[in-house]
Amino acid sequence: FKYQLKLEKSELLSSIDRVSLIVSDKNTSPVHMTIGDGSIDCLCVTPIGRAEDVCTCEGDGEGLQIGFNDRYMKDALKAASCDELLLCLNTPSSPCIIKAADGSNSFTYMILPVRLHA
């Protein structure tokens, strides 16, 4: 993987929960993530409004912008059996792999990204 980010499951889950408050069944919108050096900026924009939050991480995504369905990402994070996770990414259109940061093979989750509009 080009980018491997180590982070706390609870911190990313909380960030996604906060920005997805404005997502409803009528107003669906992906959570936009901009992955920089030591942080993941989460953003969600719907007709209701705009929500932003920042999650800290170890690693650098070199400004990678990727979008995910908030429910799919939250489901994977909630199902993860450990507190420190490794997010493995390549490009904005390739899947995100979530694994245990300690190297155990207890789980591997794959989440497909949502294509973001320019």
C-alpha atoms as a PDB file:
ATOM      1  CA  PHE A   1       0.000   0.000   0.000  1.00  0.00           C
ATOM      2  CA  LYS A   2       1.167   3.501  -0.762  1.00  0.00           C
ATOM      3  CA  TYR A   3      -0.298   4.927   2.478  1.00  0.00           C
ATOM      4  CA  GLN A   4      -0.548   3.156   5.840  1.00  0.00           C
ATOM      5  CA  LEU A   5      -2.040   5.166   8.663  1.00  0.00           C
ATOM      6  CA  LYS A   6      -2.079   4.054  12.278  1.00  0.00           C
ATOM      7  CA  LEU A   7      -4.934   5.472  14.347  1.00  0.00           C
ATOM      8  CA  GLU A   8      -7.259   4.984  17.292  1.00  0.00           C
ATOM      9  CA  LYS A   9     -10.548   3.342  16.331  1.00  0.00           C
ATOM     10  CA  SER A  10     -12.593   5.405  18.796  1.00  0.00           C
ATOM     11  CA  GLU A  11     -11.202   8.719  17.535  1.00  0.00           C
ATOM     12  CA  LEU A  12     -12.004   8.026  13.866  1.00  0.00           C
ATOM     13  CA  LEU A  13     -15.414   6.612  14.771  1.00  0.00           C
ATOM     14  CA  SER A  14     -16.234   9.732  16.794  1.00  0.00           C
ATOM     15  CA  SER A  15     -15.133  12.028  13.952  1.00  0.00           C
ATOM     16  CA  ILE A  16     -17.273  10.183  11.420  1.00  0.00           C
ATOM     17  CA  ASP A  17     -20.234  10.176  13.829  1.00  0.00           C
ATOM     18  CA  ARG A  18     -19.995  13.952  14.247  1.00  0.00           C
ATOM     19  CA  VAL A  19     -19.769  14.817  10.547  1.00  0.00           C
ATOM     20  CA  SER A  20     -22.471  12.342   9.520  1.00  0.00           C
ATOM     21  CA  LEU A  21     -25.077  13.942  11.781  1.00  0.00           C
ATOM     22  CA  ILE A  22     -26.289  15.963   8.802  1.00  0.00           C
ATOM     23  CA  VAL A  23     -26.700  12.880   6.587  1.00  0.00           C
ATOM     24  CA  SER A  24     -30.255  11.561   6.284  1.00  0.00           C
ATOM     25  CA  ASP A  25     -32.117   9.114   4.069  1.00  0.00           C
ATOM     26  CA  LYS A  26     -33.186  12.032   1.851  1.00  0.00           C
ATOM     27  CA  ASN A  27     -29.856  13.875   1.892  1.00  0.00           C
ATOM     28  CA  THR A  28     -27.133  11.295   1.436  1.00  0.00           C
ATOM     29  CA  SER A  29     -23.587  12.485   0.986  1.00  0.00           C
ATOM     30  CA  PRO A  30     -20.227  10.735   1.352  1.00  0.00           C
ATOM     31  CA  VAL A  31     -17.797  11.631   4.095  1.00  0.00           C
ATOM     32  CA  HIS A  32     -14.889  13.351   2.333  1.00  0.00           C
ATOM     33  CA  MET A  33     -11.541  12.547   3.920  1.00  0.00           C
ATOM     34  CA  THR A  34      -8.392  14.517   3.238  1.00  0.00           C
ATOM     35  CA  ILE A  35      -5.430  12.617   4.612  1.00  0.00           C
ATOM     36  CA  GLY A  36      -2.460  14.777   5.478  1.00  0.00           C
ATOM     37  CA  ASP A  37       0.614  14.446   7.669  1.00  0.00           C
ATOM     38  CA  GLY A  38      -0.656  13.240  11.036  1.00  0.00           C
ATOM     39  CA  SER A  39      -4.320  14.065  10.504  1.00  0.00           C
ATOM     40  CA  ILE A  40      -7.462  13.012   8.683  1.00  0.00           C
ATOM     41  CA  ASP A  41      -9.815  15.901   7.911  1.00  0.00           C
ATOM     42  CA  CYS A  42     -13.407  14.645   7.663  1.00  0.00           C
ATOM     43  CA  LEU A  43     -16.009  16.745   5.841  1.00  0.00           C
ATOM     44  CA  CYS A  44     -19.638  16.207   4.934  1.00  0.00           C
ATOM     45  CA  VAL A  45     -21.763  18.634   2.917  1.00  0.00           C
ATOM     46  CA  THR A  46     -25.513  18.214   2.397  1.00  0.00           C
ATOM     47  CA  PRO A  47     -28.358  20.665   1.660  1.00  0.00           C
ATOM     48  CA  ILE A  48     -28.843  20.832   5.454  1.00  0.00           C
ATOM     49  CA  GLY A  49     -25.347  22.177   6.044  1.00  0.00           C
ATOM     50  CA  ARG A  50     -21.661  21.450   6.374  1.00  0.00           C
ATOM     51  CA  ALA A  51     -19.813  19.531   9.106  1.00  0.00           C
ATOM     52  CA  GLU A  52     -16.055  19.185   9.607  1.00  0.00           C
ATOM     53  CA  ASP A  53     -13.878  17.336  12.108  1.00  0.00           C
ATOM     54  CA  VAL A  54     -10.240  16.261  12.433  1.00  0.00           C
ATOM     55  CA  CYS A  55      -8.853  12.901  13.563  1.00  0.00           C
ATOM     56  CA  THR A  56      -5.178  12.435  14.409  1.00  0.00           C
ATOM     57  CA  CYS A  57      -3.169   9.561  12.972  1.00  0.00           C
ATOM     58  CA  GLU A  58       0.392   8.388  12.507  1.00  0.00           C
ATOM     59  CA  GLY A  59       1.513   8.578   8.890  1.00  0.00           C
ATOM     60  CA  ASP A  60       1.180  10.835   5.884  1.00  0.00           C
ATOM     61  CA  GLY A  61      -1.415  10.564   3.136  1.00  0.00           C
ATOM     62  CA  GLU A  62       0.182  13.374   1.095  1.00  0.00           C
ATOM     63  CA  GLY A  63      -3.172  15.171   0.766  1.00  0.00           C
ATOM     64  CA  LEU A  64      -5.072  12.123  -0.549  1.00  0.00           C
ATOM     65  CA  GLN A  65      -8.784  12.939  -0.924  1.00  0.00           C
ATOM     66  CA  ILE A  66     -11.154   9.995  -0.677  1.00  0.00           C
ATOM     67  CA  GLY A  67     -14.856   9.586   0.085  1.00  0.00           C
ATOM     68  CA  PHE A  68     -16.754   6.862   1.932  1.00  0.00           C
ATOM     69  CA  ASN A  69     -20.334   6.024   2.774  1.00  0.00           C
ATOM     70  CA  ASP A  70     -20.534   6.894   6.471  1.00  0.00           C
ATOM     71  CA  ARG A  71     -22.573   3.814   7.413  1.00  0.00           C
ATOM     72  CA  TYR A  72     -20.168   1.354   5.796  1.00  0.00           C
ATOM     73  CA  MET A  73     -17.146   2.953   7.449  1.00  0.00           C
ATOM     74  CA  LYS A  74     -18.832   3.075  10.862  1.00  0.00           C
ATOM     75  CA  ASP A  75     -19.931  -0.573  10.589  1.00  0.00           C
ATOM     76  CA  ALA A  76     -16.381  -1.703   9.836  1.00  0.00           C
ATOM     77  CA  LEU A  77     -14.922   0.352  12.678  1.00  0.00           C
ATOM     78  CA  LYS A  78     -17.494  -0.903  15.181  1.00  0.00           C
ATOM     79  CA  ALA A  79     -16.819  -4.517  14.174  1.00  0.00           C
ATOM     80  CA  ALA A  80     -13.039  -4.170  14.578  1.00  0.00           C
ATOM     81  CA  SER A  81     -11.886  -6.122  17.616  1.00  0.00           C
ATOM     82  CA  CYS A  82      -8.946  -3.915  18.644  1.00  0.00           C
ATOM     83  CA  ASP A  83      -8.408  -0.248  19.512  1.00  0.00           C
ATOM     84  CA  GLU A  84      -5.447   0.582  17.234  1.00  0.00           C
ATOM     85  CA  LEU A  85      -6.091   0.177  13.525  1.00  0.00           C
ATOM     86  CA  LEU A  86      -4.120   0.416  10.322  1.00  0.00           C
ATOM     87  CA  LEU A  87      -5.843   2.094   7.357  1.00  0.00           C
ATOM     88  CA  CYS A  88      -4.194   0.999   4.111  1.00  0.00           C
ATOM     89  CA  LEU A  89      -4.848   3.122   1.008  1.00  0.00           C
ATOM     90  CA  ASN A  90      -3.507   3.578  -2.510  1.00  0.00           C
ATOM     91  CA  THR A  91      -5.654   5.934  -4.601  1.00  0.00           C
ATOM     92  CA  PRO A  92      -9.015   7.741  -4.271  1.00  0.00           C
ATOM     93  CA  SER A  93     -10.674   5.004  -6.342  1.00  0.00           C
ATOM     94  CA  SER A  94      -9.076   1.907  -4.806  1.00  0.00           C
ATOM     95  CA  PRO A  95     -10.449   0.084  -1.740  1.00  0.00           C
ATOM     96  CA  CYS A  96      -9.443   0.944   1.808  1.00  0.00           C
ATOM     97  CA  ILE A  97      -8.243  -2.006   3.888  1.00  0.00           C
ATOM     98  CA  ILE A  98      -8.631  -1.874   7.675  1.00  0.00           C
ATOM     99  CA  LYS A  99      -6.452  -4.203   9.756  1.00  0.00           C
ATOM    100  CA  ALA A 100      -5.239  -4.519  13.328  1.00  0.00           C
ATOM    101  CA  ALA A 101      -2.218  -2.270  13.925  1.00  0.00           C
ATOM    102  CA  ASP A 102      -0.481  -4.958  15.988  1.00  0.00           C
ATOM    103  CA  GLY A 103      -0.078  -7.172  12.927  1.00  0.00           C
ATOM    104  CA  SER A 104      -2.457  -9.901  14.052  1.00  0.00           C
ATOM    105  CA  ASN A 105      -4.637 -11.430  11.360  1.00  0.00           C
ATOM    106  CA  SER A 106      -7.778 -11.433  13.500  1.00  0.00           C
ATOM    107  CA  PHE A 107      -9.695  -9.375  10.914  1.00  0.00           C
ATOM    108  CA  THR A 108      -9.388  -7.588   7.584  1.00  0.00           C
ATOM    109  CA  TYR A 109     -12.121  -5.246   6.323  1.00  0.00           C
ATOM    110  CA  MET A 110     -12.361  -3.743   2.869  1.00  0.00           C
ATOM    111  CA  ILE A 111     -14.405  -0.618   2.172  1.00  0.00           C
ATOM    112  CA  LEU A 112     -14.951   0.647  -1.338  1.00  0.00           C
ATOM    113  CA  PRO A 113     -14.714   4.427  -1.769  1.00  0.00           C
ATOM    114  CA  VAL A 114     -17.362   6.710  -3.224  1.00  0.00           C
ATOM    115  CA  ARG A 115     -16.378   8.737  -6.272  1.00  0.00           C
ATOM    116  CA  LEU A 116     -16.160  12.400  -5.298  1.00  0.00           C
ATOM    117  CA  HIS A 117     -17.418  15.166  -7.568  1.00  0.00           C
ATOM    118  CA  ALA A 118     -14.980  17.936  -8.404  1.00  0.00           C
END
